[in-house]
Amino acid sequence: MNSKFGNVRSMVTFLALGALLFVLAAPIVAQQIPASELPPPGTDTGLEGKYDPQNGIAQLVHDKSAESAASKIFEDERVLVFMPLPEEEVVAPGHVLVVPKRLGARNLLDLKPDEMCYLLLTVQKAAIAQKNGLGATGFRVQQNNGLSSSQTVYHAHFHVIPSFGGKAPGTPAPRRKLPEAEYNDIAAKLRAAWPK
């Protein structure tokens, strides 16, 4: 009798986990580019090809203007952490990108092992700054490789997207532009909370 209840409990658990996986995977699948919209075979899709030193991230790495400085949260000789520029829509206030400063890495496959380690350490620091500086109750790390995975800038980068309590898991936040005062306030809080 006890094993019968154990089997039923196992089956219910299995079905519940399967349903949860299906629900959580739906937003990921929805972000994929439909096969009909993919370029023909042999077209550069971001996993192979020449690095474009004029891509938007490469330009920001070298940009020393006051406007770009406002978006930069942390920078050293190896890595840059920045918020999307003020004119861009963000997934969540405090959304940052972590990028290697070395030019040439189009995606994760082009990163050297020591770069990968340092980038992930920096991703962790970004999440700590989001938690301590903005009160984030969670965060998501997103890294896209190739056109079919929605990579649009071919310079390796990680998105660190904070979340704040009160929304159901899997509910996408509406994208929005931040007013200048809010943008500057968030940037200042992230810089102040950056781990030393």
N, C-alpha and C. Protein backbone atom coordinates (compact mmCIF):
# COMPACT_ATOMS: atom_id res chain seq x y z
N MET A 1 0.82 -1.18 0.00
CA MET A 1 0.00 0.00 0.00
C MET A 1 0.87 1.26 0.00
N ASN A 2 1.92 1.25 0.82
CA ASN A 2 2.81 2.39 0.91
C ASN A 2 3.55 2.64 -0.39
N SER A 3 3.96 1.55 -1.09
CA SER A 3 4.68 1.72 -2.35
C SER A 3 3.75 2.25 -3.44
N LYS A 4 2.45 1.93 -3.34
CA LYS A 4 1.49 2.44 -4.32
C LYS A 4 1.39 3.97 -4.21
N PHE A 5 1.33 4.48 -2.97
CA PHE A 5 1.28 5.93 -2.77
C PHE A 5 2.61 6.56 -3.19
N GLY A 6 3.71 5.86 -2.96
CA GLY A 6 5.03 6.37 -3.36
C GLY A 6 5.10 6.50 -4.87
N ASN A 7 4.57 5.51 -5.62
CA ASN A 7 4.58 5.59 -7.08
C ASN A 7 3.70 6.72 -7.57
N VAL A 8 2.53 6.89 -6.97
CA VAL A 8 1.63 7.97 -7.36
C VAL A 8 2.29 9.32 -7.07
N ARG A 9 2.89 9.44 -5.90
CA ARG A 9 3.58 10.68 -5.53
C ARG A 9 4.72 10.97 -6.51
N SER A 10 5.47 9.96 -6.90
CA SER A 10 6.57 10.14 -7.86
C SER A 10 6.03 10.59 -9.21
N MET A 11 4.93 9.99 -9.65
CA MET A 11 4.36 10.35 -10.95
C MET A 11 3.83 11.79 -10.92
N VAL A 12 3.17 12.17 -9.85
CA VAL A 12 2.65 13.54 -9.72
C VAL A 12 3.82 14.52 -9.71
N THR A 13 4.88 14.21 -8.99
CA THR A 13 6.06 15.08 -8.95
C THR A 13 6.66 15.20 -10.34
N PHE A 14 6.79 14.09 -11.05
CA PHE A 14 7.35 14.09 -12.40
C PHE A 14 6.50 14.96 -13.33
N LEU A 15 5.18 14.81 -13.27
CA LEU A 15 4.30 15.60 -14.13
C LEU A 15 4.36 17.08 -13.78
N ALA A 16 4.43 17.39 -12.50
CA ALA A 16 4.51 18.79 -12.07
C ALA A 16 5.81 19.42 -12.54
N LEU A 17 6.92 18.71 -12.41
CA LEU A 17 8.20 19.23 -12.89
C LEU A 17 8.20 19.40 -14.40
N GLY A 18 7.59 18.47 -15.11
CA GLY A 18 7.48 18.58 -16.57
C GLY A 18 6.66 19.80 -16.97
N ALA A 19 5.56 20.04 -16.28
CA ALA A 19 4.72 21.20 -16.58
C ALA A 19 5.47 22.49 -16.27
N LEU A 20 6.21 22.52 -15.16
CA LEU A 20 6.99 23.70 -14.80
C LEU A 20 8.06 23.97 -15.85
N LEU A 21 8.75 22.95 -16.29
CA LEU A 21 9.77 23.09 -17.33
C LEU A 21 9.15 23.65 -18.61
N PHE A 22 7.98 23.15 -18.97
CA PHE A 22 7.29 23.62 -20.18
C PHE A 22 6.95 25.10 -20.06
N VAL A 23 6.45 25.52 -18.90
CA VAL A 23 6.05 26.91 -18.68
C VAL A 23 7.29 27.82 -18.68
N LEU A 24 8.37 27.40 -18.02
CA LEU A 24 9.56 28.23 -17.95
C LEU A 24 10.28 28.30 -19.28
N ALA A 25 10.21 27.26 -20.09
CA ALA A 25 10.90 27.25 -21.39
C ALA A 25 10.15 28.05 -22.43
N ALA A 26 8.88 28.29 -22.25
CA ALA A 26 8.08 29.00 -23.26
C ALA A 26 8.65 30.37 -23.61
N PRO A 27 9.05 31.22 -22.62
CA PRO A 27 9.61 32.52 -23.00
C PRO A 27 10.92 32.39 -23.78
N ILE A 28 11.73 31.38 -23.46
CA ILE A 28 12.99 31.17 -24.16
C ILE A 28 12.72 30.80 -25.61
N VAL A 29 11.81 29.88 -25.83
CA VAL A 29 11.49 29.46 -27.19
C VAL A 29 10.90 30.63 -27.97
N ALA A 30 10.10 31.45 -27.31
CA ALA A 30 9.47 32.58 -27.99
C ALA A 30 10.49 33.60 -28.47
N GLN A 31 11.69 33.64 -27.86
CA GLN A 31 12.71 34.60 -28.25
C GLN A 31 13.50 34.14 -29.47
N GLN A 32 13.40 32.90 -29.85
CA GLN A 32 14.16 32.38 -30.97
C GLN A 32 13.67 33.00 -32.28
N ILE A 33 14.58 33.18 -33.20
CA ILE A 33 14.23 33.69 -34.52
C ILE A 33 13.64 32.54 -35.32
N PRO A 34 12.45 32.72 -35.93
CA PRO A 34 11.85 31.64 -36.71
C PRO A 34 12.77 31.19 -37.85
N ALA A 35 12.78 29.90 -38.13
CA ALA A 35 13.65 29.35 -39.18
C ALA A 35 13.45 30.06 -40.52
N SER A 36 12.22 30.48 -40.80
CA SER A 36 11.95 31.16 -42.08
C SER A 36 12.64 32.51 -42.19
N GLU A 37 13.05 33.07 -41.04
CA GLU A 37 13.70 34.38 -41.05
C GLU A 37 15.22 34.29 -40.94
N LEU A 38 15.75 33.07 -40.82
CA LEU A 38 17.20 32.91 -40.71
C LEU A 38 17.85 33.12 -42.07
N PRO A 39 19.10 33.57 -42.10
CA PRO A 39 19.78 33.75 -43.37
C PRO A 39 20.08 32.41 -44.03
N PRO A 40 20.34 32.40 -45.34
CA PRO A 40 20.64 31.15 -46.01
C PRO A 40 21.93 30.52 -45.49
N PRO A 41 22.09 29.19 -45.65
CA PRO A 41 23.32 28.52 -45.21
C PRO A 41 24.54 29.20 -45.82
N GLY A 42 25.61 29.28 -45.04
CA GLY A 42 26.84 29.90 -45.52
C GLY A 42 26.93 31.38 -45.17
N THR A 43 25.85 31.96 -44.68
CA THR A 43 25.84 33.37 -44.29
C THR A 43 26.45 33.49 -42.89
N ASP A 44 27.17 34.58 -42.68
CA ASP A 44 27.78 34.83 -41.38
C ASP A 44 26.68 34.96 -40.33
N THR A 45 26.68 34.09 -39.33
CA THR A 45 25.65 34.11 -38.29
C THR A 45 26.18 34.51 -36.93
N GLY A 46 27.41 34.93 -36.85
CA GLY A 46 27.95 35.36 -35.58
C GLY A 46 28.85 34.35 -34.91
N LEU A 47 28.72 33.07 -35.22
CA LEU A 47 29.60 32.08 -34.61
C LEU A 47 30.93 32.00 -35.34
N GLU A 48 30.94 32.39 -36.59
CA GLU A 48 32.16 32.40 -37.38
C GLU A 48 32.21 33.69 -38.17
N GLY A 49 33.38 34.05 -38.63
CA GLY A 49 33.51 35.25 -39.44
C GLY A 49 34.49 36.22 -38.83
N LYS A 50 34.67 37.34 -39.50
CA LYS A 50 35.62 38.35 -39.04
C LYS A 50 34.97 39.22 -37.98
N TYR A 51 35.78 39.61 -37.02
CA TYR A 51 35.34 40.53 -35.97
C TYR A 51 35.27 41.93 -36.57
N ASP A 52 34.20 42.64 -36.29
CA ASP A 52 34.03 44.01 -36.76
C ASP A 52 34.46 44.97 -35.65
N PRO A 53 35.62 45.62 -35.78
CA PRO A 53 36.09 46.52 -34.71
C PRO A 53 35.25 47.80 -34.60
N GLN A 54 34.27 47.97 -35.47
CA GLN A 54 33.39 49.15 -35.42
C GLN A 54 32.02 48.82 -34.80
N ASN A 55 31.86 47.59 -34.26
CA ASN A 55 30.57 47.25 -33.65
C ASN A 55 30.31 48.17 -32.46
N GLY A 56 29.05 48.25 -32.05
CA GLY A 56 28.64 49.19 -31.01
C GLY A 56 29.37 49.02 -29.69
N ILE A 57 29.62 47.78 -29.29
CA ILE A 57 30.32 47.55 -28.01
C ILE A 57 31.78 47.97 -28.13
N ALA A 58 32.43 47.64 -29.25
CA ALA A 58 33.83 48.03 -29.45
C ALA A 58 33.96 49.55 -29.41
N GLN A 59 32.99 50.24 -30.00
CA GLN A 59 33.03 51.70 -29.98
C GLN A 59 32.91 52.23 -28.56
N LEU A 60 32.04 51.61 -27.76
CA LEU A 60 31.86 52.05 -26.38
C LEU A 60 33.11 51.78 -25.54
N VAL A 61 33.79 50.65 -25.81
CA VAL A 61 35.02 50.33 -25.09
C VAL A 61 36.03 51.46 -25.24
N HIS A 62 36.11 52.06 -26.44
CA HIS A 62 37.09 53.11 -26.71
C HIS A 62 36.56 54.52 -26.50
N ASP A 63 35.27 54.67 -26.26
CA ASP A 63 34.65 55.98 -26.15
C ASP A 63 34.93 56.59 -24.78
N LYS A 64 35.52 57.76 -24.76
CA LYS A 64 35.84 58.45 -23.49
C LYS A 64 34.96 59.69 -23.28
N SER A 65 33.86 59.78 -24.05
CA SER A 65 32.99 60.95 -23.95
C SER A 65 32.21 60.95 -22.62
N ALA A 66 31.70 62.11 -22.28
CA ALA A 66 30.91 62.25 -21.05
C ALA A 66 29.64 61.41 -21.12
N GLU A 67 29.02 61.32 -22.31
CA GLU A 67 27.79 60.53 -22.47
C GLU A 67 28.06 59.05 -22.19
N SER A 68 29.15 58.53 -22.74
CA SER A 68 29.44 57.11 -22.50
C SER A 68 29.87 56.89 -21.06
N ALA A 69 30.55 57.86 -20.46
CA ALA A 69 30.98 57.72 -19.06
C ALA A 69 29.77 57.58 -18.13
N ALA A 70 28.66 58.22 -18.49
CA ALA A 70 27.45 58.14 -17.66
C ALA A 70 26.90 56.71 -17.62
N SER A 71 27.14 55.94 -18.67
CA SER A 71 26.61 54.57 -18.72
C SER A 71 27.55 53.55 -18.10
N LYS A 72 28.81 53.91 -17.90
CA LYS A 72 29.81 52.96 -17.40
C LYS A 72 29.72 52.83 -15.88
N ILE A 73 29.57 51.60 -15.44
CA ILE A 73 29.45 51.30 -14.01
C ILE A 73 30.79 50.90 -13.42
N PHE A 74 31.55 50.10 -14.16
CA PHE A 74 32.86 49.63 -13.70
C PHE A 74 33.72 49.41 -14.92
N GLU A 75 35.02 49.71 -14.77
CA GLU A 75 35.95 49.49 -15.88
C GLU A 75 37.33 49.27 -15.31
N ASP A 76 38.03 48.29 -15.83
CA ASP A 76 39.44 48.12 -15.55
C ASP A 76 40.13 47.78 -16.87
N GLU A 77 41.33 47.27 -16.83
CA GLU A 77 42.06 47.02 -18.08
C GLU A 77 41.51 45.82 -18.87
N ARG A 78 40.67 44.97 -18.24
CA ARG A 78 40.19 43.75 -18.90
C ARG A 78 38.71 43.73 -19.23
N VAL A 79 37.91 44.49 -18.48
CA VAL A 79 36.46 44.36 -18.58
C VAL A 79 35.77 45.72 -18.46
N LEU A 80 34.60 45.82 -19.06
CA LEU A 80 33.76 47.00 -18.96
C LEU A 80 32.36 46.56 -18.58
N VAL A 81 31.76 47.25 -17.63
CA VAL A 81 30.37 47.00 -17.23
C VAL A 81 29.62 48.29 -17.47
N PHE A 82 28.54 48.22 -18.24
CA PHE A 82 27.79 49.42 -18.55
C PHE A 82 26.30 49.14 -18.62
N MET A 83 25.52 50.20 -18.41
CA MET A 83 24.08 50.13 -18.60
C MET A 83 23.81 50.44 -20.06
N PRO A 84 22.75 49.87 -20.65
CA PRO A 84 22.39 50.29 -22.01
C PRO A 84 22.27 51.82 -22.03
N LEU A 85 22.63 52.41 -23.15
CA LEU A 85 22.61 53.88 -23.26
C LEU A 85 21.22 54.43 -22.95
N PRO A 86 21.14 55.66 -22.47
CA PRO A 86 19.85 56.22 -22.03
C PRO A 86 18.75 56.18 -23.08
N GLU A 87 19.09 56.27 -24.36
CA GLU A 87 18.06 56.26 -25.40
C GLU A 87 17.54 54.86 -25.72
N GLU A 88 18.14 53.83 -25.14
CA GLU A 88 17.71 52.45 -25.38
C GLU A 88 16.70 52.00 -24.34
N GLU A 89 15.80 51.11 -24.75
CA GLU A 89 14.86 50.52 -23.80
C GLU A 89 15.57 49.44 -23.00
N VAL A 90 15.21 49.30 -21.74
CA VAL A 90 15.81 48.28 -20.89
C VAL A 90 14.75 47.29 -20.43
N VAL A 91 15.20 46.10 -20.13
CA VAL A 91 14.32 45.06 -19.62
C VAL A 91 13.92 45.39 -18.18
N ALA A 92 14.88 45.90 -17.41
CA ALA A 92 14.64 46.25 -16.02
C ALA A 92 15.61 47.35 -15.62
N PRO A 93 15.21 48.26 -14.75
CA PRO A 93 16.15 49.27 -14.26
C PRO A 93 17.33 48.57 -13.59
N GLY A 94 18.53 48.98 -13.95
CA GLY A 94 19.73 48.35 -13.40
C GLY A 94 20.31 47.26 -14.27
N HIS A 95 19.69 46.98 -15.41
CA HIS A 95 20.19 46.01 -16.39
C HIS A 95 21.58 46.48 -16.85
N VAL A 96 22.57 45.60 -16.75
CA VAL A 96 23.93 45.94 -17.20
C VAL A 96 24.45 44.89 -18.16
N LEU A 97 25.46 45.28 -18.93
CA LEU A 97 26.18 44.36 -19.80
C LEU A 97 27.61 44.28 -19.31
N VAL A 98 28.16 43.07 -19.31
CA VAL A 98 29.55 42.83 -18.91
C VAL A 98 30.27 42.35 -20.16
N VAL A 99 31.32 43.09 -20.56
CA VAL A 99 32.01 42.78 -21.82
C VAL A 99 33.51 42.74 -21.63
N PRO A 100 34.20 41.88 -22.39
CA PRO A 100 35.66 41.94 -22.38
C PRO A 100 36.11 43.18 -23.16
N LYS A 101 37.17 43.83 -22.72
CA LYS A 101 37.68 44.98 -23.45
C LYS A 101 38.54 44.56 -24.64
N ARG A 102 39.03 43.33 -24.61
CA ARG A 102 39.82 42.85 -25.75
C ARG A 102 38.91 42.75 -26.95
N LEU A 103 39.32 43.34 -28.04
CA LEU A 103 38.55 43.25 -29.26
C LEU A 103 38.88 41.94 -29.96
N GLY A 104 37.90 41.35 -30.63
CA GLY A 104 38.15 40.12 -31.38
C GLY A 104 37.27 38.96 -30.97
N ALA A 105 36.70 38.99 -29.79
CA ALA A 105 35.84 37.90 -29.33
C ALA A 105 34.40 38.19 -29.75
N ARG A 106 33.94 37.52 -30.80
CA ARG A 106 32.59 37.73 -31.32
C ARG A 106 31.54 37.10 -30.41
N ASN A 107 31.89 36.00 -29.73
CA ASN A 107 30.93 35.27 -28.91
C ASN A 107 31.69 34.44 -27.89
N LEU A 108 30.98 33.66 -27.12
CA LEU A 108 31.55 32.84 -26.06
C LEU A 108 32.66 31.91 -26.57
N LEU A 109 32.51 31.41 -27.79
CA LEU A 109 33.49 30.48 -28.35
C LEU A 109 34.84 31.13 -28.59
N ASP A 110 34.88 32.44 -28.71
CA ASP A 110 36.12 33.16 -28.97
C ASP A 110 36.84 33.62 -27.70
N LEU A 111 36.23 33.41 -26.54
CA LEU A 111 36.85 33.85 -25.29
C LEU A 111 37.91 32.87 -24.83
N LYS A 112 39.00 33.40 -24.27
CA LYS A 112 40.06 32.58 -23.69
C LYS A 112 39.60 32.15 -22.30
N PRO A 113 40.07 31.01 -21.80
CA PRO A 113 39.62 30.53 -20.47
C PRO A 113 39.79 31.56 -19.35
N ASP A 114 40.91 32.27 -19.31
CA ASP A 114 41.11 33.26 -18.25
C ASP A 114 40.14 34.44 -18.41
N GLU A 115 39.80 34.80 -19.64
CA GLU A 115 38.80 35.86 -19.87
C GLU A 115 37.44 35.42 -19.35
N MET A 116 37.09 34.17 -19.63
CA MET A 116 35.80 33.62 -19.19
C MET A 116 35.69 33.70 -17.67
N CYS A 117 36.73 33.27 -16.98
CA CYS A 117 36.72 33.31 -15.51
C CYS A 117 36.56 34.74 -15.00
N TYR A 118 37.31 35.66 -15.58
CA TYR A 118 37.25 37.04 -15.13
C TYR A 118 35.89 37.67 -15.43
N LEU A 119 35.34 37.35 -16.61
CA LEU A 119 34.02 37.88 -16.95
C LEU A 119 32.97 37.37 -15.98
N LEU A 120 33.02 36.09 -15.63
CA LEU A 120 32.02 35.54 -14.71
C LEU A 120 32.18 36.10 -13.30
N LEU A 121 33.41 36.35 -12.88
CA LEU A 121 33.64 37.01 -11.60
C LEU A 121 33.01 38.41 -11.62
N THR A 122 33.14 39.10 -12.76
CA THR A 122 32.57 40.44 -12.90
C THR A 122 31.04 40.38 -12.96
N VAL A 123 30.49 39.35 -13.60
CA VAL A 123 29.04 39.15 -13.61
C VAL A 123 28.53 39.00 -12.18
N GLN A 124 29.26 38.23 -11.37
CA GLN A 124 28.88 38.06 -9.97
C GLN A 124 28.90 39.40 -9.23
N LYS A 125 29.92 40.20 -9.47
CA LYS A 125 30.01 41.51 -8.82
C LYS A 125 28.85 42.42 -9.25
N ALA A 126 28.48 42.33 -10.53
CA ALA A 126 27.34 43.13 -11.01
C ALA A 126 26.06 42.74 -10.27
N ALA A 127 25.86 41.44 -10.08
CA ALA A 127 24.68 40.96 -9.36
C ALA A 127 24.70 41.42 -7.90
N ILE A 128 25.88 41.42 -7.29
CA ILE A 128 26.00 41.90 -5.91
C ILE A 128 25.64 43.38 -5.83
N ALA A 129 26.12 44.17 -6.80
CA ALA A 129 25.80 45.60 -6.83
C ALA A 129 24.30 45.82 -7.04
N GLN A 130 23.68 44.99 -7.88
CA GLN A 130 22.23 45.10 -8.08
C GLN A 130 21.47 44.79 -6.79
N LYS A 131 21.91 43.76 -6.08
CA LYS A 131 21.26 43.38 -4.82
C LYS A 131 21.45 44.45 -3.76
N ASN A 132 22.71 44.85 -3.54
CA ASN A 132 23.00 45.79 -2.46
C ASN A 132 22.64 47.24 -2.79
N GLY A 133 22.78 47.62 -4.05
CA GLY A 133 22.54 49.01 -4.41
C GLY A 133 21.11 49.32 -4.82
N LEU A 134 20.42 48.33 -5.40
CA LEU A 134 19.07 48.57 -5.91
C LEU A 134 18.00 47.77 -5.18
N GLY A 135 18.42 46.83 -4.34
CA GLY A 135 17.45 46.00 -3.63
C GLY A 135 16.87 44.88 -4.49
N ALA A 136 17.61 44.45 -5.51
CA ALA A 136 17.14 43.36 -6.36
C ALA A 136 16.91 42.11 -5.51
N THR A 137 15.83 41.40 -5.80
CA THR A 137 15.50 40.17 -5.07
C THR A 137 15.92 38.94 -5.87
N GLY A 138 16.42 39.15 -7.06
CA GLY A 138 16.90 38.09 -7.92
C GLY A 138 17.58 38.72 -9.13
N PHE A 139 18.14 37.89 -9.98
CA PHE A 139 18.75 38.39 -11.20
C PHE A 139 18.84 37.26 -12.21
N ARG A 140 18.96 37.64 -13.47
CA ARG A 140 19.09 36.67 -14.56
C ARG A 140 20.35 37.03 -15.34
N VAL A 141 21.13 36.01 -15.71
CA VAL A 141 22.30 36.19 -16.56
C VAL A 141 21.95 35.62 -17.92
N GLN A 142 22.10 36.44 -18.95
CA GLN A 142 21.75 36.02 -20.31
C GLN A 142 22.95 36.25 -21.21
N GLN A 143 23.25 35.25 -22.04
CA GLN A 143 24.38 35.35 -22.94
C GLN A 143 23.99 34.67 -24.24
N ASN A 144 23.87 35.42 -25.33
CA ASN A 144 23.42 34.90 -26.62
C ASN A 144 24.61 34.73 -27.56
N ASN A 145 24.60 33.66 -28.33
CA ASN A 145 25.68 33.37 -29.27
C ASN A 145 25.10 33.05 -30.64
N GLY A 146 25.32 33.91 -31.59
CA GLY A 146 24.84 33.67 -32.95
C GLY A 146 23.46 34.26 -33.20
N LEU A 147 23.20 34.51 -34.45
CA LEU A 147 21.95 35.11 -34.87
C LEU A 147 20.73 34.30 -34.43
N SER A 148 20.81 32.98 -34.55
CA SER A 148 19.65 32.16 -34.21
C SER A 148 19.33 32.17 -32.71
N SER A 149 20.28 32.68 -31.90
CA SER A 149 20.04 32.83 -30.46
C SER A 149 19.80 34.28 -30.08
N SER A 150 19.52 35.10 -31.08
CA SER A 150 19.19 36.52 -30.90
C SER A 150 20.37 37.41 -30.54
N GLN A 151 21.59 36.98 -30.85
CA GLN A 151 22.73 37.88 -30.67
C GLN A 151 22.68 38.91 -31.81
N THR A 152 22.73 40.19 -31.45
CA THR A 152 22.66 41.23 -32.48
C THR A 152 23.94 42.05 -32.57
N VAL A 153 24.77 42.03 -31.53
CA VAL A 153 26.07 42.71 -31.58
C VAL A 153 27.12 41.63 -31.40
N TYR A 154 28.02 41.51 -32.38
CA TYR A 154 28.98 40.41 -32.39
C TYR A 154 30.27 40.78 -31.65
N HIS A 155 30.10 41.06 -30.37
CA HIS A 155 31.18 41.22 -29.40
C HIS A 155 30.66 40.47 -28.17
N ALA A 156 31.39 39.50 -27.69
CA ALA A 156 30.91 38.68 -26.57
C ALA A 156 30.45 39.58 -25.42
N HIS A 157 29.30 39.25 -24.85
CA HIS A 157 28.79 40.03 -23.72
C HIS A 157 27.77 39.23 -22.93
N PHE A 158 27.70 39.57 -21.65
CA PHE A 158 26.73 38.98 -20.73
C PHE A 158 25.77 40.07 -20.28
N HIS A 159 24.48 39.78 -20.28
CA HIS A 159 23.48 40.67 -19.70
C HIS A 159 23.26 40.21 -18.27
N VAL A 160 23.25 41.13 -17.33
CA VAL A 160 22.89 40.82 -15.95
C VAL A 160 21.66 41.68 -15.66
N ILE A 161 20.53 41.01 -15.52
CA ILE A 161 19.24 41.68 -15.45
C ILE A 161 18.62 41.44 -14.07
N PRO A 162 18.49 42.51 -13.28
CA PRO A 162 17.93 42.33 -11.94
C PRO A 162 16.42 42.10 -12.01
N SER A 163 15.91 41.46 -10.98
CA SER A 163 14.46 41.35 -10.84
C SER A 163 14.10 41.81 -9.43
N PHE A 164 12.87 42.24 -9.32
CA PHE A 164 12.40 42.78 -8.06
C PHE A 164 11.10 42.08 -7.73
N GLY A 165 10.89 41.69 -6.46
CA GLY A 165 9.74 40.91 -6.05
C GLY A 165 8.41 41.44 -6.57
N GLY A 166 7.42 40.55 -6.59
CA GLY A 166 6.08 40.99 -6.94
C GLY A 166 5.59 40.57 -8.31
N LYS A 167 6.40 39.85 -9.08
CA LYS A 167 5.90 39.38 -10.37
C LYS A 167 6.05 37.86 -10.43
N ALA A 168 5.15 37.24 -11.16
CA ALA A 168 5.18 35.79 -11.28
C ALA A 168 6.41 35.34 -12.06
N PRO A 169 7.01 34.20 -11.70
CA PRO A 169 8.15 33.69 -12.46
C PRO A 169 7.79 33.53 -13.94
N GLY A 170 8.71 33.91 -14.79
CA GLY A 170 8.50 33.76 -16.22
C GLY A 170 7.75 34.90 -16.86
N THR A 171 7.26 35.86 -16.05
CA THR A 171 6.53 37.00 -16.60
C THR A 171 7.55 38.01 -17.13
N PRO A 172 7.58 38.26 -18.45
CA PRO A 172 8.55 39.23 -18.96
C PRO A 172 8.16 40.65 -18.57
N ALA A 173 9.16 41.42 -18.21
CA ALA A 173 8.91 42.82 -17.86
C ALA A 173 8.78 43.63 -19.14
N PRO A 174 7.93 44.63 -19.14
CA PRO A 174 7.84 45.47 -20.34
C PRO A 174 9.12 46.30 -20.48
N ARG A 175 9.63 46.43 -21.69
CA ARG A 175 10.82 47.23 -21.94
C ARG A 175 10.43 48.70 -21.90
N ARG A 176 11.33 49.53 -21.38
CA ARG A 176 11.04 50.95 -21.33
C ARG A 176 12.33 51.75 -21.30
N LYS A 177 12.24 53.00 -21.73
CA LYS A 177 13.35 53.94 -21.61
C LYS A 177 13.28 54.57 -20.23
N LEU A 178 14.43 54.76 -19.62
CA LEU A 178 14.47 55.37 -18.29
C LEU A 178 14.61 56.89 -18.43
N PRO A 179 13.85 57.65 -17.65
CA PRO A 179 14.07 59.09 -17.62
C PRO A 179 15.49 59.37 -17.14
N GLU A 180 16.08 60.48 -17.59
CA GLU A 180 17.49 60.78 -17.30
C GLU A 180 17.80 60.76 -15.81
N ALA A 181 16.95 61.35 -14.99
CA ALA A 181 17.20 61.39 -13.55
C ALA A 181 17.22 59.99 -12.95
N GLU A 182 16.28 59.13 -13.36
CA GLU A 182 16.24 57.76 -12.86
C GLU A 182 17.47 56.99 -13.34
N TYR A 183 17.84 57.17 -14.60
CA TYR A 183 19.02 56.51 -15.18
C TYR A 183 20.27 56.87 -14.36
N ASN A 184 20.48 58.16 -14.12
CA ASN A 184 21.65 58.62 -13.39
C ASN A 184 21.64 58.14 -11.94
N ASP A 185 20.46 58.11 -11.32
CA ASP A 185 20.34 57.63 -9.94
C ASP A 185 20.71 56.15 -9.85
N ILE A 186 20.21 55.35 -10.78
CA ILE A 186 20.51 53.92 -10.78
C ILE A 186 22.00 53.69 -11.00
N ALA A 187 22.59 54.41 -11.96
CA ALA A 187 24.01 54.26 -12.24
C ALA A 187 24.84 54.60 -10.99
N ALA A 188 24.48 55.68 -10.31
CA ALA A 188 25.20 56.09 -9.10
C ALA A 188 25.08 55.03 -8.01
N LYS A 189 23.90 54.46 -7.83
CA LYS A 189 23.71 53.43 -6.80
C LYS A 189 24.53 52.17 -7.12
N LEU A 190 24.56 51.78 -8.41
CA LEU A 190 25.35 50.60 -8.79
C LEU A 190 26.85 50.85 -8.57
N ARG A 191 27.33 52.03 -8.95
CA ARG A 191 28.75 52.35 -8.74
C ARG A 191 29.10 52.33 -7.24
N ALA A 192 28.22 52.91 -6.43
CA ALA A 192 28.48 52.97 -4.97
C ALA A 192 28.47 51.58 -4.35
N ALA A 193 27.67 50.67 -4.89
CA ALA A 193 27.55 49.33 -4.31
C ALA A 193 28.50 48.32 -4.95
N TRP A 194 29.32 48.76 -5.90
CA TRP A 194 30.23 47.84 -6.59
C TRP A 194 31.22 47.24 -5.60
N PRO A 195 31.33 45.90 -5.54
CA PRO A 195 32.26 45.26 -4.60
C PRO A 195 33.71 45.62 -4.91
N LYS A 196 34.45 45.86 -3.89
CA LYS A 196 35.88 46.21 -4.05
C LYS A 196 36.73 44.97 -4.11
